[in-house]
Amino acid sequence: MSTDDTFSADTSPGADSQLAQADAALSQARERLSEAPAEVVVVNHVMGLYELAAIHLSASPPRLHEAALAIDAVACLVEGLGGRLGEESETLLTALSNIRLAFVQVKSSVGSDT
């Protein structure tokens, strides 16, 4: 058995068409991303991390370790980049304070239940 046989891919016309469509979609996504201001993209990622933290905090039982990691990632970006995040900087600082407070409250309630 040759290496080519081991890693052969489906090269049917349907598969080629799907690959071409996926490649075109990826190219379009890259083009849109390259046109967006970096601060907008970073803020969107910060909000995704915030949401990740909230999901872990609201799990039953709460996943504190995972929430803490997501909160720390938000803090690294928000506090580390500060005003470079544009007009959303203050909102993000407030959101960070709120998720930190939620973490403390959830951690306290979990601790009192055990």
PDB file of N, CA and C in Angstrom:
ATOM      1  N   MET A   1       0.847  -1.178   0.000  1.00  0.00           N
ATOM      2  CA  MET A   1       0.000   0.000   0.000  1.00  0.00           C
ATOM      3  C   MET A   1       0.887   1.232   0.000  1.00  0.00           C
ATOM      4  N   SER A   2       0.628   2.132  -0.898  1.00  0.00           N
ATOM      5  CA  SER A   2       1.433   3.345  -0.988  1.00  0.00           C
ATOM      6  C   SER A   2       0.850   4.433  -0.097  1.00  0.00           C
ATOM      7  N   THR A   3       1.632   5.464   0.153  1.00  0.00           N
ATOM      8  CA  THR A   3       1.177   6.613   0.944  1.00  0.00           C
ATOM      9  C   THR A   3      -0.017   7.276   0.279  1.00  0.00           C
ATOM     10  N   ASP A   4      -0.010   7.315  -1.059  1.00  0.00           N
ATOM     11  CA  ASP A   4      -1.120   7.933  -1.783  1.00  0.00           C
ATOM     12  C   ASP A   4      -2.419   7.185  -1.526  1.00  0.00           C
ATOM     13  N   ASP A   5      -2.354   5.847  -1.400  1.00  0.00           N
ATOM     14  CA  ASP A   5      -3.543   5.062  -1.127  1.00  0.00           C
ATOM     15  C   ASP A   5      -4.060   5.320   0.285  1.00  0.00           C
ATOM     16  N   THR A   6      -3.164   5.515   1.216  1.00  0.00           N
ATOM     17  CA  THR A   6      -3.535   5.719   2.607  1.00  0.00           C
ATOM     18  C   THR A   6      -4.290   7.029   2.802  1.00  0.00           C
ATOM     19  N   PHE A   7      -3.868   8.073   2.124  1.00  0.00           N
ATOM     20  CA  PHE A   7      -4.442   9.395   2.329  1.00  0.00           C
ATOM     21  C   PHE A   7      -5.224   9.880   1.123  1.00  0.00           C
ATOM     22  N   SER A   8      -5.797   8.974   0.361  1.00  0.00           N
ATOM     23  CA  SER A   8      -6.537   9.396  -0.823  1.00  0.00           C
ATOM     24  C   SER A   8      -7.801  10.128  -0.399  1.00  0.00           C
ATOM     25  N   ALA A   9      -8.147  11.144  -1.147  1.00  0.00           N
ATOM     26  CA  ALA A   9      -9.333  11.937  -0.873  1.00  0.00           C
ATOM     27  C   ALA A   9     -10.372  11.658  -1.936  1.00  0.00           C
ATOM     28  N   ASP A  10     -11.611  11.948  -1.589  1.00  0.00           N
ATOM     29  CA  ASP A  10     -12.695  11.802  -2.558  1.00  0.00           C
ATOM     30  C   ASP A  10     -12.540  12.893  -3.598  1.00  0.00           C
ATOM     31  N   THR A  11     -12.253  12.496  -4.834  1.00  0.00           N
ATOM     32  CA  THR A  11     -12.053  13.486  -5.893  1.00  0.00           C
ATOM     33  C   THR A  11     -13.189  13.446  -6.899  1.00  0.00           C
ATOM     34  N   SER A  12     -14.367  13.024  -6.437  1.00  0.00           N
ATOM     35  CA  SER A  12     -15.520  13.010  -7.327  1.00  0.00           C
ATOM     36  C   SER A  12     -15.904  14.451  -7.648  1.00  0.00           C
ATOM     37  N   PRO A  13     -16.631  14.641  -8.760  1.00  0.00           N
ATOM     38  CA  PRO A  13     -17.041  16.011  -9.124  1.00  0.00           C
ATOM     39  C   PRO A  13     -17.821  16.710  -8.009  1.00  0.00           C
ATOM     40  N   GLY A  14     -18.641  15.981  -7.264  1.00  0.00           N
ATOM     41  CA  GLY A  14     -19.401  16.579  -6.166  1.00  0.00           C
ATOM     42  C   GLY A  14     -18.491  17.073  -5.056  1.00  0.00           C
ATOM     43  N   ALA A  15     -17.477  16.285  -4.745  1.00  0.00           N
ATOM     44  CA  ALA A  15     -16.534  16.676  -3.697  1.00  0.00           C
ATOM     45  C   ALA A  15     -15.719  17.885  -4.135  1.00  0.00           C
ATOM     46  N   ASP A  16     -15.306  17.895  -5.398  1.00  0.00           N
ATOM     47  CA  ASP A  16     -14.557  19.041  -5.924  1.00  0.00           C
ATOM     48  C   ASP A  16     -15.398  20.309  -5.848  1.00  0.00           C
ATOM     49  N   SER A  17     -16.669  20.190  -6.154  1.00  0.00           N
ATOM     50  CA  SER A  17     -17.570  21.340  -6.100  1.00  0.00           C
ATOM     51  C   SER A  17     -17.727  21.846  -4.662  1.00  0.00           C
ATOM     52  N   GLN A  18     -17.861  20.915  -3.719  1.00  0.00           N
ATOM     53  CA  GLN A  18     -17.987  21.310  -2.316  1.00  0.00           C
ATOM     54  C   GLN A  18     -16.725  21.994  -1.819  1.00  0.00           C
ATOM     55  N   LEU A  19     -15.577  21.463  -2.211  1.00  0.00           N
ATOM     56  CA  LEU A  19     -14.312  22.087  -1.816  1.00  0.00           C
ATOM     57  C   LEU A  19     -14.187  23.484  -2.414  1.00  0.00           C
ATOM     58  N   ALA A  20     -14.589  23.636  -3.651  1.00  0.00           N
ATOM     59  CA  ALA A  20     -14.518  24.947  -4.300  1.00  0.00           C
ATOM     60  C   ALA A  20     -15.444  25.941  -3.600  1.00  0.00           C
ATOM     61  N   GLN A  21     -16.642  25.480  -3.220  1.00  0.00           N
ATOM     62  CA  GLN A  21     -17.585  26.354  -2.520  1.00  0.00           C
ATOM     63  C   GLN A  21     -17.044  26.743  -1.146  1.00  0.00           C
ATOM     64  N   ALA A  22     -16.457  25.784  -0.452  1.00  0.00           N
ATOM     65  CA  ALA A  22     -15.887  26.075   0.867  1.00  0.00           C
ATOM     66  C   ALA A  22     -14.731  27.058   0.741  1.00  0.00           C
ATOM     67  N   ASP A  23     -13.905  26.869  -0.291  1.00  0.00           N
ATOM     68  CA  ASP A  23     -12.776  27.778  -0.511  1.00  0.00           C
ATOM     69  C   ASP A  23     -13.264  29.186  -0.824  1.00  0.00           C
ATOM     70  N   ALA A  24     -14.312  29.293  -1.641  1.00  0.00           N
ATOM     71  CA  ALA A  24     -14.875  30.599  -1.982  1.00  0.00           C
ATOM     72  C   ALA A  24     -15.464  31.274  -0.742  1.00  0.00           C
ATOM     73  N   ALA A  25     -16.160  30.500   0.099  1.00  0.00           N
ATOM     74  CA  ALA A  25     -16.741  31.058   1.321  1.00  0.00           C
ATOM     75  C   ALA A  25     -15.645  31.537   2.268  1.00  0.00           C
ATOM     76  N   LEU A  26     -14.580  30.774   2.370  1.00  0.00           N
ATOM     77  CA  LEU A  26     -13.461  31.167   3.220  1.00  0.00           C
ATOM     78  C   LEU A  26     -12.806  32.443   2.702  1.00  0.00           C
ATOM     79  N   SER A  27     -12.647  32.544   1.406  1.00  0.00           N
ATOM     80  CA  SER A  27     -12.066  33.754   0.812  1.00  0.00           C
ATOM     81  C   SER A  27     -12.948  34.970   1.074  1.00  0.00           C
ATOM     82  N   GLN A  28     -14.265  34.791   0.956  1.00  0.00           N
ATOM     83  CA  GLN A  28     -15.189  35.899   1.224  1.00  0.00           C
ATOM     84  C   GLN A  28     -15.125  36.317   2.689  1.00  0.00           C
ATOM     85  N   ALA A  29     -15.056  35.345   3.579  1.00  0.00           N
ATOM     86  CA  ALA A  29     -14.971  35.655   5.015  1.00  0.00           C
ATOM     87  C   ALA A  29     -13.684  36.406   5.323  1.00  0.00           C
ATOM     88  N   ARG A  30     -12.589  35.988   4.722  1.00  0.00           N
ATOM     89  CA  ARG A  30     -11.312  36.686   4.933  1.00  0.00           C
ATOM     90  C   ARG A  30     -11.385  38.113   4.403  1.00  0.00           C
ATOM     91  N   GLU A  31     -12.017  38.291   3.271  1.00  0.00           N
ATOM     92  CA  GLU A  31     -12.152  39.629   2.691  1.00  0.00           C
ATOM     93  C   GLU A  31     -12.955  40.535   3.613  1.00  0.00           C
ATOM     94  N   ARG A  32     -14.089  40.023   4.121  1.00  0.00           N
ATOM     95  CA  ARG A  32     -14.913  40.821   5.046  1.00  0.00           C
ATOM     96  C   ARG A  32     -14.125  41.151   6.307  1.00  0.00           C
ATOM     97  N   LEU A  33     -13.396  40.175   6.822  1.00  0.00           N
ATOM     98  CA  LEU A  33     -12.620  40.390   8.035  1.00  0.00           C
ATOM     99  C   LEU A  33     -11.523  41.423   7.811  1.00  0.00           C
ATOM    100  N   SER A  34     -10.899  41.397   6.635  1.00  0.00           N
ATOM    101  CA  SER A  34      -9.828  42.357   6.357  1.00  0.00           C
ATOM    102  C   SER A  34     -10.354  43.780   6.232  1.00  0.00           C
ATOM    103  N   GLU A  35     -11.634  43.922   5.927  1.00  0.00           N
ATOM    104  CA  GLU A  35     -12.235  45.251   5.786  1.00  0.00           C
ATOM    105  C   GLU A  35     -12.723  45.823   7.115  1.00  0.00           C
ATOM    106  N   ALA A  36     -12.878  44.968   8.121  1.00  0.00           N
ATOM    107  CA  ALA A  36     -13.378  45.422   9.417  1.00  0.00           C
ATOM    108  C   ALA A  36     -12.235  46.036  10.226  1.00  0.00           C
ATOM    109  N   PRO A  37     -12.517  47.129  10.946  1.00  0.00           N
ATOM    110  CA  PRO A  37     -11.493  47.693  11.822  1.00  0.00           C
ATOM    111  C   PRO A  37     -11.107  46.659  12.891  1.00  0.00           C
ATOM    112  N   ALA A  38      -9.843  46.574  13.202  1.00  0.00           N
ATOM    113  CA  ALA A  38      -9.352  45.588  14.171  1.00  0.00           C
ATOM    114  C   ALA A  38     -10.047  45.744  15.522  1.00  0.00           C
ATOM    115  N   GLU A  39     -10.315  46.975  15.940  1.00  0.00           N
ATOM    116  CA  GLU A  39     -10.954  47.158  17.246  1.00  0.00           C
ATOM    117  C   GLU A  39     -12.333  46.514  17.285  1.00  0.00           C
ATOM    118  N   VAL A  40     -13.055  46.534  16.169  1.00  0.00           N
ATOM    119  CA  VAL A  40     -14.381  45.905  16.110  1.00  0.00           C
ATOM    120  C   VAL A  40     -14.250  44.394  16.270  1.00  0.00           C
ATOM    121  N   VAL A  41     -13.299  43.815  15.603  1.00  0.00           N
ATOM    122  CA  VAL A  41     -13.086  42.370  15.679  1.00  0.00           C
ATOM    123  C   VAL A  41     -12.663  41.981  17.097  1.00  0.00           C
ATOM    124  N   VAL A  42     -11.754  42.737  17.692  1.00  0.00           N
ATOM    125  CA  VAL A  42     -11.292  42.426  19.046  1.00  0.00           C
ATOM    126  C   VAL A  42     -12.440  42.568  20.039  1.00  0.00           C
ATOM    127  N   VAL A  43     -13.233  43.620  19.926  1.00  0.00           N
ATOM    128  CA  VAL A  43     -14.377  43.808  20.825  1.00  0.00           C
ATOM    129  C   VAL A  43     -15.347  42.633  20.687  1.00  0.00           C
ATOM    130  N   ASN A  44     -15.587  42.165  19.476  1.00  0.00           N
ATOM    131  CA  ASN A  44     -16.467  41.011  19.276  1.00  0.00           C
ATOM    132  C   ASN A  44     -15.914  39.768  19.975  1.00  0.00           C
ATOM    133  N   HIS A  45     -14.617  39.595  19.910  1.00  0.00           N
ATOM    134  CA  HIS A  45     -14.006  38.455  20.592  1.00  0.00           C
ATOM    135  C   HIS A  45     -14.096  38.609  22.108  1.00  0.00           C
ATOM    136  N   VAL A  46     -13.910  39.816  22.599  1.00  0.00           N
ATOM    137  CA  VAL A  46     -14.052  40.062  24.034  1.00  0.00           C
ATOM    138  C   VAL A  46     -15.464  39.685  24.481  1.00  0.00           C
ATOM    139  N   MET A  47     -16.451  40.089  23.710  1.00  0.00           N
ATOM    140  CA  MET A  47     -17.834  39.782  24.071  1.00  0.00           C
ATOM    141  C   MET A  47     -18.098  38.278  24.006  1.00  0.00           C
ATOM    142  N   GLY A  48     -17.448  37.598  23.087  1.00  0.00           N
ATOM    143  CA  GLY A  48     -17.566  36.140  23.043  1.00  0.00           C
ATOM    144  C   GLY A  48     -16.986  35.493  24.285  1.00  0.00           C
ATOM    145  N   LEU A  49     -15.853  35.996  24.748  1.00  0.00           N
ATOM    146  CA  LEU A  49     -15.241  35.483  25.979  1.00  0.00           C
ATOM    147  C   LEU A  49     -16.106  35.789  27.198  1.00  0.00           C
ATOM    148  N   TYR A  50     -16.710  36.978  27.208  1.00  0.00           N
ATOM    149  CA  TYR A  50     -17.629  37.359  28.281  1.00  0.00           C
ATOM    150  C   TYR A  50     -18.794  36.373  28.328  1.00  0.00           C
ATOM    151  N   GLU A  51     -19.354  36.096  27.168  1.00  0.00           N
ATOM    152  CA  GLU A  51     -20.479  35.166  27.076  1.00  0.00           C
ATOM    153  C   GLU A  51     -20.049  33.766  27.524  1.00  0.00           C
ATOM    154  N   LEU A  52     -18.853  33.352  27.149  1.00  0.00           N
ATOM    155  CA  LEU A  52     -18.330  32.059  27.578  1.00  0.00           C
ATOM    156  C   LEU A  52     -18.261  31.989  29.111  1.00  0.00           C
ATOM    157  N   ALA A  53     -17.779  33.046  29.728  1.00  0.00           N
ATOM    158  CA  ALA A  53     -17.722  33.091  31.190  1.00  0.00           C
ATOM    159  C   ALA A  53     -19.118  32.976  31.789  1.00  0.00           C
ATOM    160  N   ALA A  54     -20.062  33.713  31.230  1.00  0.00           N
ATOM    161  CA  ALA A  54     -21.438  33.680  31.737  1.00  0.00           C
ATOM    162  C   ALA A  54     -22.051  32.289  31.589  1.00  0.00           C
ATOM    163  N   ILE A  55     -21.771  31.620  30.493  1.00  0.00           N
ATOM    164  CA  ILE A  55     -22.287  30.267  30.278  1.00  0.00           C
ATOM    165  C   ILE A  55     -21.749  29.325  31.351  1.00  0.00           C
ATOM    166  N   HIS A  56     -20.460  29.414  31.625  1.00  0.00           N
ATOM    167  CA  HIS A  56     -19.871  28.537  32.644  1.00  0.00           C
ATOM    168  C   HIS A  56     -20.383  28.881  34.040  1.00  0.00           C
ATOM    169  N   LEU A  57     -20.615  30.150  34.310  1.00  0.00           N
ATOM    170  CA  LEU A  57     -21.150  30.535  35.618  1.00  0.00           C
ATOM    171  C   LEU A  57     -22.580  30.063  35.807  1.00  0.00           C
ATOM    172  N   SER A  58     -23.338  30.013  34.729  1.00  0.00           N
ATOM    173  CA  SER A  58     -24.750  29.633  34.837  1.00  0.00           C
ATOM    174  C   SER A  58     -24.970  28.129  34.694  1.00  0.00           C
ATOM    175  N   ALA A  59     -23.911  27.381  34.473  1.00  0.00           N
ATOM    176  CA  ALA A  59     -24.040  25.930  34.368  1.00  0.00           C
ATOM    177  C   ALA A  59     -24.457  25.357  35.724  1.00  0.00           C
ATOM    178  N   SER A  60     -24.999  24.161  35.683  1.00  0.00           N
ATOM    179  CA  SER A  60     -25.406  23.515  36.917  1.00  0.00           C
ATOM    180  C   SER A  60     -24.686  22.178  37.042  1.00  0.00           C
ATOM    181  N   PRO A  61     -23.696  22.074  37.874  1.00  0.00           N
ATOM    182  CA  PRO A  61     -23.158  23.109  38.758  1.00  0.00           C
ATOM    183  C   PRO A  61     -22.259  24.074  37.978  1.00  0.00           C
ATOM    184  N   PRO A  62     -22.030  25.243  38.540  1.00  0.00           N
ATOM    185  CA  PRO A  62     -21.161  26.209  37.862  1.00  0.00           C
ATOM    186  C   PRO A  62     -19.761  25.631  37.646  1.00  0.00           C
ATOM    187  N   ARG A  63     -19.184  25.957  36.512  1.00  0.00           N
ATOM    188  CA  ARG A  63     -17.822  25.519  36.186  1.00  0.00           C
ATOM    189  C   ARG A  63     -16.893  26.712  36.428  1.00  0.00           C
ATOM    190  N   LEU A  64     -16.510  26.863  37.683  1.00  0.00           N
ATOM    191  CA  LEU A  64     -15.777  28.053  38.120  1.00  0.00           C
ATOM    192  C   LEU A  64     -14.403  28.171  37.470  1.00  0.00           C
ATOM    193  N   HIS A  65     -13.715  27.055  37.315  1.00  0.00           N
ATOM    194  CA  HIS A  65     -12.378  27.102  36.720  1.00  0.00           C
ATOM    195  C   HIS A  65     -12.459  27.635  35.288  1.00  0.00           C
ATOM    196  N   GLU A  66     -13.416  27.127  34.508  1.00  0.00           N
ATOM    197  CA  GLU A  66     -13.568  27.574  33.134  1.00  0.00           C
ATOM    198  C   GLU A  66     -14.023  29.030  33.071  1.00  0.00           C
ATOM    199  N   ALA A  67     -14.932  29.411  33.953  1.00  0.00           N
ATOM    200  CA  ALA A  67     -15.400  30.804  33.999  1.00  0.00           C
ATOM    201  C   ALA A  67     -14.247  31.737  34.339  1.00  0.00           C
ATOM    202  N   ALA A  68     -13.428  31.331  35.292  1.00  0.00           N
ATOM    203  CA  ALA A  68     -12.289  32.172  35.696  1.00  0.00           C
ATOM    204  C   ALA A  68     -11.323  32.382  34.541  1.00  0.00           C
ATOM    205  N   LEU A  69     -11.072  31.339  33.771  1.00  0.00           N
ATOM    206  CA  LEU A  69     -10.176  31.475  32.626  1.00  0.00           C
ATOM    207  C   LEU A  69     -10.739  32.465  31.612  1.00  0.00           C
ATOM    208  N   ALA A  70     -12.023  32.347  31.303  1.00  0.00           N
ATOM    209  CA  ALA A  70     -12.641  33.265  30.343  1.00  0.00           C
ATOM    210  C   ALA A  70     -12.627  34.699  30.882  1.00  0.00           C
ATOM    211  N   ILE A  71     -12.900  34.873  32.163  1.00  0.00           N
ATOM    212  CA  ILE A  71     -12.879  36.211  32.770  1.00  0.00           C
ATOM    213  C   ILE A  71     -11.472  36.789  32.731  1.00  0.00           C
ATOM    214  N   ASP A  72     -10.483  35.977  33.022  1.00  0.00           N
ATOM    215  CA  ASP A  72      -9.105  36.457  32.959  1.00  0.00           C
ATOM    216  C   ASP A  72      -8.714  36.856  31.540  1.00  0.00           C
ATOM    217  N   ALA A  73      -9.213  36.131  30.547  1.00  0.00           N
ATOM    218  CA  ALA A  73      -8.940  36.489  29.151  1.00  0.00           C
ATOM    219  C   ALA A  73      -9.586  37.826  28.805  1.00  0.00           C
ATOM    220  N   VAL A  74     -10.818  38.033  29.264  1.00  0.00           N
ATOM    221  CA  VAL A  74     -11.480  39.326  29.051  1.00  0.00           C
ATOM    222  C   VAL A  74     -10.645  40.433  29.697  1.00  0.00           C
ATOM    223  N   ALA A  75     -10.207  40.195  30.925  1.00  0.00           N
ATOM    224  CA  ALA A  75      -9.425  41.203  31.644  1.00  0.00           C
ATOM    225  C   ALA A  75      -8.124  41.525  30.921  1.00  0.00           C
ATOM    226  N   CYS A  76      -7.461  40.495  30.411  1.00  0.00           N
ATOM    227  CA  CYS A  76      -6.203  40.730  29.686  1.00  0.00           C
ATOM    228  C   CYS A  76      -6.422  41.671  28.511  1.00  0.00           C
ATOM    229  N   LEU A  77      -7.482  41.446  27.790  1.00  0.00           N
ATOM    230  CA  LEU A  77      -7.750  42.279  26.613  1.00  0.00           C
ATOM    231  C   LEU A  77      -8.243  43.667  27.006  1.00  0.00           C
ATOM    232  N   VAL A  78      -9.228  43.716  27.881  1.00  0.00           N
ATOM    233  CA  VAL A  78      -9.848  45.006  28.228  1.00  0.00           C
ATOM    234  C   VAL A  78      -8.884  45.899  28.998  1.00  0.00           C
ATOM    235  N   GLU A  79      -8.245  45.350  30.018  1.00  0.00           N
ATOM    236  CA  GLU A  79      -7.324  46.157  30.813  1.00  0.00           C
ATOM    237  C   GLU A  79      -6.007  46.372  30.075  1.00  0.00           C
ATOM    238  N   GLY A  80      -5.586  45.381  29.328  1.00  0.00           N
ATOM    239  CA  GLY A  80      -4.324  45.490  28.603  1.00  0.00           C
ATOM    240  C   GLY A  80      -4.381  46.466  27.438  1.00  0.00           C
ATOM    241  N   LEU A  81      -5.523  46.505  26.764  1.00  0.00           N
ATOM    242  CA  LEU A  81      -5.645  47.385  25.599  1.00  0.00           C
ATOM    243  C   LEU A  81      -6.276  48.727  25.932  1.00  0.00           C
ATOM    244  N   GLY A  82      -7.003  48.788  27.023  1.00  0.00           N
ATOM    245  CA  GLY A  82      -7.578  50.045  27.477  1.00  0.00           C
ATOM    246  C   GLY A  82      -8.321  50.804  26.400  1.00  0.00           C
ATOM    247  N   GLY A  83      -7.968  52.067  26.252  1.00  0.00           N
ATOM    248  CA  GLY A  83      -8.633  52.955  25.316  1.00  0.00           C
ATOM    249  C   GLY A  83      -8.449  52.589  23.857  1.00  0.00           C
ATOM    250  N   ARG A  84      -7.553  51.677  23.563  1.00  0.00           N
ATOM    251  CA  ARG A  84      -7.341  51.277  22.168  1.00  0.00           C
ATOM    252  C   ARG A  84      -8.544  50.534  21.609  1.00  0.00           C
ATOM    253  N   LEU A  85      -9.481  50.150  22.483  1.00  0.00           N
ATOM    254  CA  LEU A  85     -10.676  49.457  22.032  1.00  0.00           C
ATOM    255  C   LEU A  85     -11.771  50.425  21.600  1.00  0.00           C
ATOM    256  N   GLY A  86     -11.444  51.690  21.535  1.00  0.00           N
ATOM    257  CA  GLY A  86     -12.375  52.680  21.005  1.00  0.00           C
ATOM    258  C   GLY A  86     -13.467  53.056  21.973  1.00  0.00           C
ATOM    259  N   GLU A  87     -14.585  53.454  21.412  1.00  0.00           N
ATOM    260  CA  GLU A  87     -15.682  53.971  22.224  1.00  0.00           C
ATOM    261  C   GLU A  87     -16.326  52.905  23.098  1.00  0.00           C
ATOM    262  N   GLU A  88     -16.022  51.651  22.867  1.00  0.00           N
ATOM    263  CA  GLU A  88     -16.565  50.561  23.678  1.00  0.00           C
ATOM    264  C   GLU A  88     -15.744  50.290  24.938  1.00  0.00           C
ATOM    265  N   SER A  89     -14.625  50.983  25.106  1.00  0.00           N
ATOM    266  CA  SER A  89     -13.725  50.714  26.233  1.00  0.00           C
ATOM    267  C   SER A  89     -14.417  50.781  27.589  1.00  0.00           C
ATOM    268  N   GLU A  90     -15.168  51.824  27.826  1.00  0.00           N
ATOM    269  CA  GLU A  90     -15.846  51.988  29.120  1.00  0.00           C
ATOM    270  C   GLU A  90     -16.905  50.912  29.326  1.00  0.00           C
ATOM    271  N   THR A  91     -17.642  50.604  28.289  1.00  0.00           N
ATOM    272  CA  THR A  91     -18.665  49.559  28.375  1.00  0.00           C
ATOM    273  C   THR A  91     -18.025  48.217  28.714  1.00  0.00           C
ATOM    274  N   LEU A  92     -16.882  47.945  28.085  1.00  0.00           N
ATOM    275  CA  LEU A  92     -16.187  46.685  28.343  1.00  0.00           C
ATOM    276  C   LEU A  92     -15.635  46.629  29.765  1.00  0.00           C
ATOM    277  N   LEU A  93     -15.147  47.747  30.276  1.00  0.00           N
ATOM    278  CA  LEU A  93     -14.679  47.784  31.670  1.00  0.00           C
ATOM    279  C   LEU A  93     -15.832  47.512  32.633  1.00  0.00           C
ATOM    280  N   THR A  94     -16.992  48.084  32.344  1.00  0.00           N
ATOM    281  CA  THR A  94     -18.178  47.843  33.173  1.00  0.00           C
ATOM    282  C   THR A  94     -18.591  46.381  33.093  1.00  0.00           C
ATOM    283  N   ALA A  95     -18.578  45.821  31.891  1.00  0.00           N
ATOM    284  CA  ALA A  95     -18.927  44.410  31.713  1.00  0.00           C
ATOM    285  C   ALA A  95     -17.959  43.516  32.483  1.00  0.00           C
ATOM    286  N   LEU A  96     -16.687  43.843  32.443  1.00  0.00           N
ATOM    287  CA  LEU A  96     -15.685  43.073  33.178  1.00  0.00           C
ATOM    288  C   LEU A  96     -15.967  43.129  34.678  1.00  0.00           C
ATOM    289  N   SER A  97     -16.264  44.309  35.188  1.00  0.00           N
ATOM    290  CA  SER A  97     -16.593  44.438  36.615  1.00  0.00           C
ATOM    291  C   SER A  97     -17.819  43.600  36.968  1.00  0.00           C
ATOM    292  N   ASN A  98     -18.818  43.629  36.103  1.00  0.00           N
ATOM    293  CA  ASN A  98     -20.052  42.881  36.354  1.00  0.00           C
ATOM    294  C   ASN A  98     -19.819  41.374  36.357  1.00  0.00           C
ATOM    295  N   ILE A  99     -19.040  40.865  35.407  1.00  0.00           N
ATOM    296  CA  ILE A  99     -18.814  39.419  35.347  1.00  0.00           C
ATOM    297  C   ILE A  99     -17.931  38.966  36.505  1.00  0.00           C
ATOM    298  N   ARG A 100     -17.028  39.835  36.938  1.00  0.00           N
ATOM    299  CA  ARG A 100     -16.216  39.511  38.121  1.00  0.00           C
ATOM    300  C   ARG A 100     -17.099  39.432  39.365  1.00  0.00           C
ATOM    301  N   LEU A 101     -18.013  40.376  39.499  1.00  0.00           N
ATOM    302  CA  LEU A 101     -18.941  40.366  40.628  1.00  0.00           C
ATOM    303  C   LEU A 101     -19.817  39.119  40.588  1.00  0.00           C
ATOM    304  N   ALA A 102     -20.308  38.773  39.410  1.00  0.00           N
ATOM    305  CA  ALA A 102     -21.125  37.564  39.265  1.00  0.00           C
ATOM    306  C   ALA A 102     -20.337  36.325  39.669  1.00  0.00           C
ATOM    307  N   PHE A 103     -19.064  36.289  39.291  1.00  0.00           N
ATOM    308  CA  PHE A 103     -18.214  35.159  39.653  1.00  0.00           C
ATOM    309  C   PHE A 103     -18.123  35.025  41.170  1.00  0.00           C
ATOM    310  N   VAL A 104     -17.867  36.126  41.845  1.00  0.00           N
ATOM    311  CA  VAL A 104     -17.737  36.109  43.304  1.00  0.00           C
ATOM    312  C   VAL A 104     -19.047  35.651  43.939  1.00  0.00           C
ATOM    313  N   GLN A 105     -20.165  36.152  43.430  1.00  0.00           N
ATOM    314  CA  GLN A 105     -21.469  35.769  43.978  1.00  0.00           C
ATOM    315  C   GLN A 105     -21.748  34.286  43.773  1.00  0.00           C
ATOM    316  N   VAL A 106     -21.467  33.789  42.576  1.00  0.00           N
ATOM    317  CA  VAL A 106     -21.701  32.377  42.306  1.00  0.00           C
ATOM    318  C   VAL A 106     -20.776  31.513  43.148  1.00  0.00           C
ATOM    319  N   LYS A 107     -19.525  31.909  43.233  1.00  0.00           N
ATOM    320  CA  LYS A 107     -18.557  31.142  44.025  1.00  0.00           C
ATOM    321  C   LYS A 107     -18.995  31.102  45.494  1.00  0.00           C
ATOM    322  N   SER A 108     -19.483  32.220  46.010  1.00  0.00           N
ATOM    323  CA  SER A 108     -19.951  32.272  47.391  1.00  0.00           C
ATOM    324  C   SER A 108     -21.170  31.375  47.605  1.00  0.00           C
ATOM    325  N   SER A 109     -22.080  31.381  46.664  1.00  0.00           N
ATOM    326  CA  SER A 109     -23.292  30.563  46.815  1.00  0.00           C
ATOM    327  C   SER A 109     -22.963  29.078  46.687  1.00  0.00           C
ATOM    328  N   VAL A 110     -22.027  28.727  45.859  1.00  0.00           N
ATOM    329  CA  VAL A 110     -21.613  27.329  45.730  1.00  0.00           C
ATOM    330  C   VAL A 110     -20.920  26.896  47.004  1.00  0.00           C
ATOM    331  N   GLY A 111     -20.098  27.770  47.551  1.00  0.00           N
ATOM    332  CA  GLY A 111     -19.393  27.457  48.788  1.00  0.00           C
ATOM    333  C   GLY A 111     -20.327  27.283  49.955  1.00  0.00           C
ATOM    334  N   SER A 112     -21.426  28.045  50.004  1.00  0.00           N
ATOM    335  CA  SER A 112     -22.370  27.952  51.113  1.00  0.00           C
ATOM    336  C   SER A 112     -23.282  26.752  50.985  1.00  0.00           C
ATOM    337  N   ASP A 113     -23.401  26.187  49.762  1.00  0.00           N
ATOM    338  CA  ASP A 113     -24.231  25.022  49.550  1.00  0.00           C
ATOM    339  C   ASP A 113     -23.533  23.725  49.933  1.00  0.00           C
ATOM    340  N   THR A 114     -22.224  23.762  50.019  1.00  0.00           N
ATOM    341  CA  THR A 114     -21.483  22.522  50.292  1.00  0.00           C
ATOM    342  C   THR A 114     -21.145  22.360  51.738  1.00  0.00           C
TER     343      THR A 114
END
